[in-house]
Protein backbone atom coordinates (compact mmCIF):
# COMPACT_ATOMS: atom_id res chain seq x y z
CA UNK A 1 -119.64 -33.22 26.18
CA UNK A 2 -117.26 -31.69 27.70
CA UNK A 3 -112.95 -31.96 28.36
CA UNK A 4 -114.30 -32.56 32.09
CA UNK A 5 -116.59 -35.46 31.06
CA UNK A 6 -113.64 -37.34 29.49
CA UNK A 7 -111.43 -37.59 32.57
CA UNK A 8 -110.10 -40.95 34.14
CA UNK A 9 -110.91 -42.31 37.27
CA UNK A 10 -107.21 -41.99 37.76
CA UNK A 11 -106.84 -38.49 36.40
CA UNK A 12 -109.60 -36.98 38.48
CA UNK A 13 -108.40 -38.93 42.36
CA UNK A 14 -104.63 -37.30 41.12
CA UNK A 15 -105.73 -34.09 41.64
CA UNK A 16 -107.59 -35.03 45.29
CA UNK A 17 -105.58 -33.23 48.03
CA UNK A 18 -106.63 -35.02 51.40
CA UNK A 19 -106.61 -33.59 54.56
CA UNK A 20 -106.50 -34.11 57.97
CA UNK A 21 -110.32 -34.50 58.02
CA UNK A 22 -111.98 -37.40 56.59
CA UNK A 23 -112.86 -37.16 52.58
CA UNK A 24 -115.86 -39.38 51.55
CA UNK A 25 -117.30 -39.18 48.41
CA UNK A 26 -120.96 -37.31 48.76
CA UNK A 27 -122.69 -41.17 48.06
CA UNK A 28 -120.56 -43.03 50.29
CA UNK A 29 -122.46 -44.35 53.79
CA UNK A 30 -120.56 -43.93 56.70
CA UNK A 31 -122.43 -44.83 60.22
CA UNK A 32 -120.67 -44.95 63.86
CA UNK A 33 -117.32 -44.85 62.46
CA UNK A 34 -113.98 -43.59 63.41
CA UNK A 35 -112.11 -42.49 60.30
CA UNK A 36 -108.23 -41.09 60.98
CA UNK A 37 -106.34 -38.58 58.84
CA UNK A 38 -105.84 -38.14 55.12
CA UNK A 39 -108.45 -41.25 54.69
CA UNK A 40 -110.67 -41.36 52.06
CA UNK A 41 -114.22 -43.69 51.13
CA UNK A 42 -114.79 -43.21 47.93
CA UNK A 43 -118.20 -43.26 46.01
CA UNK A 44 -120.89 -46.41 46.97
CA UNK A 45 -118.49 -47.12 49.50
CA UNK A 46 -120.56 -48.18 52.53
CA UNK A 47 -119.03 -48.25 55.66
CA UNK A 48 -120.87 -49.24 59.56
CA UNK A 49 -119.41 -49.45 63.03
CA UNK A 50 -115.85 -48.98 61.54
CA UNK A 51 -112.18 -48.08 62.56
CA UNK A 52 -110.71 -46.61 59.58
CA UNK A 53 -106.59 -45.61 60.82
CA UNK A 54 -104.42 -42.77 58.88
CA UNK A 55 -104.03 -42.40 55.72
CA UNK A 56 -106.04 -45.65 54.74
CA UNK A 57 -108.62 -45.51 51.39
CA UNK A 58 -111.71 -47.21 50.85
CA UNK A 59 -112.41 -47.38 47.14
CA UNK A 60 -115.61 -47.35 45.14
CA UNK A 61 -118.67 -49.59 46.39
CA UNK A 62 -116.55 -51.32 48.66
CA UNK A 63 -118.83 -52.11 52.16
CA UNK A 64 -116.95 -52.89 55.00
CA UNK A 65 -119.27 -53.36 58.60
CA UNK A 66 -117.67 -54.03 62.32
CA UNK A 67 -113.80 -53.86 61.44
CA UNK A 68 -110.99 -52.26 62.97
CA UNK A 69 -108.39 -51.66 60.43
CA UNK A 70 -105.51 -49.72 60.53
CA UNK A 71 -103.43 -47.07 59.16
CA UNK A 72 -101.62 -46.89 55.60
CA UNK A 73 -104.27 -49.59 54.50
CA UNK A 74 -105.04 -49.68 50.57
CA UNK A 75 -108.52 -51.55 49.76
CA UNK A 76 -109.65 -51.77 46.69
CA UNK A 77 -113.02 -51.11 44.78
CA UNK A 78 -116.19 -54.49 45.35
CA UNK A 79 -114.63 -54.93 48.41
CA UNK A 80 -116.30 -56.75 50.75
CA UNK A 81 -114.98 -56.81 54.35
CA UNK A 82 -117.04 -59.06 57.29
CA UNK A 83 -120.68 -59.56 55.57
CA UNK A 84 -123.38 -60.39 56.70
CA UNK A 85 -123.84 -64.14 59.48
CA UNK A 86 -127.19 -66.18 58.79
CA UNK A 87 -128.24 -68.68 62.02
CA UNK A 88 -127.51 -71.84 60.00
CA UNK A 89 -127.97 -73.83 63.58
CA UNK A 90 -131.53 -71.99 63.90
CA UNK A 91 -134.50 -73.62 62.18
CA UNK A 92 -134.26 -71.47 59.70
CA UNK A 93 -131.58 -68.41 58.32
CA UNK A 94 -134.04 -65.81 56.98
CA UNK A 95 -133.50 -62.71 58.45
CA UNK A 96 -137.60 -62.69 59.96
CA UNK A 97 -136.35 -64.29 63.19
CA UNK A 98 -133.70 -61.50 64.77
CA UNK A 99 -135.03 -58.49 61.99
CA UNK A 100 -138.99 -58.87 63.52
CA UNK A 101 -140.17 -55.24 62.98
CA UNK A 102 -138.88 -55.83 59.02
CA UNK A 103 -141.63 -58.67 58.43
CA UNK A 104 -144.18 -56.77 61.15
CA UNK A 105 -143.44 -60.02 63.39
CA UNK A 106 -142.97 -58.21 66.62
CA UNK A 107 -142.39 -54.78 68.29
CA UNK A 108 -138.21 -54.80 68.15
CA UNK A 109 -135.64 -57.17 66.62
CA UNK A 110 -133.35 -58.97 68.33
CA UNK A 111 -130.61 -57.99 69.52
CA UNK A 112 -128.65 -60.41 71.00
CA UNK A 113 -128.17 -61.71 67.31
CA UNK A 114 -126.29 -58.42 66.17
CA UNK A 115 -124.52 -58.68 69.41
CA UNK A 116 -122.99 -61.49 68.70
CA UNK A 117 -122.12 -60.50 65.33
CA UNK A 118 -119.95 -57.33 66.31
CA UNK A 119 -118.12 -59.73 67.95
CA UNK A 120 -116.96 -61.57 64.84
CA UNK A 121 -114.38 -58.18 64.42
CA UNK A 122 -112.39 -58.06 61.52
CA UNK A 123 -109.03 -56.60 62.30
CA UNK A 124 -106.98 -55.78 59.69
CA UNK A 125 -103.13 -54.04 60.36
CA UNK A 126 -100.90 -51.65 58.80
CA UNK A 127 -100.25 -51.68 55.44
CA UNK A 128 -102.46 -54.09 54.04
CA UNK A 129 -102.97 -53.70 50.76
CA UNK A 130 -106.41 -55.66 50.10
CA UNK A 131 -107.42 -56.25 45.56
CA UNK A 132 -110.55 -55.88 43.86
CA UNK A 133 -113.23 -57.94 44.70
CA UNK A 134 -111.69 -59.93 47.86
CA UNK A 135 -113.98 -60.73 50.47
CA UNK A 136 -113.09 -61.26 53.99
CA UNK A 137 -115.55 -62.91 56.29
CA UNK A 138 -116.34 -62.60 60.18
CA UNK A 139 -113.51 -62.67 62.68
CA UNK A 140 -110.74 -62.49 60.18
CA UNK A 141 -107.19 -61.27 61.58
CA UNK A 142 -104.79 -59.80 58.55
CA UNK A 143 -101.82 -59.26 60.04
CA UNK A 144 -98.77 -55.91 59.09
CA UNK A 145 -98.14 -55.28 55.66
CA UNK A 146 -100.19 -58.43 54.17
CA UNK A 147 -101.67 -58.39 50.48
CA UNK A 148 -104.94 -60.34 49.87
CA UNK A 149 -104.98 -60.38 45.59
CA UNK A 150 -108.22 -59.77 43.82
CA UNK A 151 -111.25 -61.95 43.88
CA UNK A 152 -109.37 -64.12 47.14
CA UNK A 153 -112.25 -65.20 50.02
CA UNK A 154 -110.18 -64.76 53.07
CA UNK A 155 -111.25 -68.08 55.56
CA UNK A 156 -108.65 -67.98 57.59
CA UNK A 157 -106.20 -65.48 59.50
CA UNK A 158 -103.55 -63.92 57.53
CA UNK A 159 -99.79 -63.78 58.84
CA UNK A 160 -98.01 -60.26 58.75
CA UNK A 161 -96.31 -60.21 55.31
CA UNK A 162 -97.88 -62.43 53.79
CA UNK A 163 -99.50 -62.96 49.81
CA UNK A 164 -103.02 -64.40 49.84
CA UNK A 165 -104.91 -65.21 46.92
CA UNK A 166 -107.80 -67.91 45.86
CA UNK A 167 -110.45 -69.40 46.88
CA UNK A 168 -110.37 -69.38 49.56
CA UNK A 169 -106.92 -67.74 50.01
CA UNK A 170 -103.76 -69.72 50.80
CA UNK A 171 -100.54 -67.91 50.99
CA UNK A 172 -98.68 -68.08 47.97
CA UNK A 173 -95.12 -66.14 49.59
CA UNK A 174 -94.20 -63.50 51.74
CA UNK A 175 -93.01 -60.11 50.85
CA UNK A 176 -89.59 -60.68 52.68
CA UNK A 177 -87.84 -62.95 54.03
CA UNK A 178 -89.18 -63.53 58.21
CA UNK A 179 -86.28 -61.73 59.45
CA UNK A 180 -86.20 -58.55 57.67
CA UNK A 181 -90.25 -58.51 57.81
CA UNK A 182 -89.75 -58.62 61.09
CA UNK A 183 -87.25 -55.62 61.38
CA UNK A 184 -89.52 -53.97 59.43
CA UNK A 185 -92.45 -54.03 62.00
CA UNK A 186 -90.32 -52.81 64.74
CA UNK A 187 -89.51 -49.79 62.86
CA UNK A 188 -93.53 -49.43 62.99
CA UNK A 189 -93.39 -46.28 60.35
CA UNK A 190 -96.69 -46.36 60.41
CA UNK A 191 -96.69 -44.44 63.67
CA UNK A 192 -94.63 -41.62 62.40
CA UNK A 193 -95.34 -38.33 62.53
CA UNK A 194 -96.87 -36.22 59.36
CA UNK A 195 -93.88 -34.48 59.23
CA UNK A 196 -91.16 -36.96 59.22
CA UNK A 197 -92.86 -39.14 56.38
CA UNK A 198 -91.78 -36.33 54.46
CA UNK A 199 -88.35 -35.95 54.92
CA UNK A 200 -88.06 -39.35 54.81
CA UNK A 201 -90.17 -40.18 52.11
CA UNK A 202 -87.31 -41.30 49.79
CA UNK A 203 -86.31 -43.52 51.94
CA UNK A 204 -88.90 -46.26 51.61
CA UNK A 205 -88.12 -47.18 47.87
CA UNK A 206 -85.26 -49.08 49.00
CA UNK A 207 -85.42 -51.93 51.47
CA UNK A 208 -82.29 -52.53 52.05
CA UNK A 209 -81.61 -48.28 52.86
CA UNK A 210 -84.71 -48.21 55.20
CA UNK A 211 -83.35 -50.79 57.09
CA UNK A 212 -80.12 -49.87 57.53
CA UNK A 213 -81.42 -46.39 58.59
CA UNK A 214 -83.76 -47.38 60.82
CA UNK A 215 -84.29 -51.05 61.50
CA UNK A 216 -82.70 -52.63 64.36
CA UNK A 217 -80.34 -55.40 64.23
CA UNK A 218 -82.17 -59.17 65.49
């Protein structure tokens, strides 16, 4: 085994350089998606009919369908966003009622079912962190700056800058007092140009300093 084989995943990612073009692992699956600048889709991840905003990343083996994901979103490994719904009100919940061609039952599938699935879009704001193995159910909206703890099952909308955890997910606290996070939202820093981000990088490490420079008084 050579030295390169002993490097950890963290070591390999530390040498990765993202660019204006999305970085997609060779064994990732991306279908009918729009990916922004400096985005990354890691090994084994699957994205379908999803918008991934600038600087956002999706880690190993995560699965996302029918979603609108903002900028600077951090999606850990093994996350499920918008897992499949089944028609529980029908006589049967099984695939054969809408994937008929797979079972040689009809010459076409039930496109109305898939159209209904697309209406259950997940919307994720900017600067959101979704922890390892979390599940975000269909139709959920997660606000800017929120945190979803590892293993959480999100069954209801998450307010901006809230920290949620558990099964089902419950709000534990807010990252900042409301007056603070509302001022952070007003800065809309996630829309700043790349060069502006580079120039102001050090300002991000202290919330009071950041708001003193860029925040509006309420």
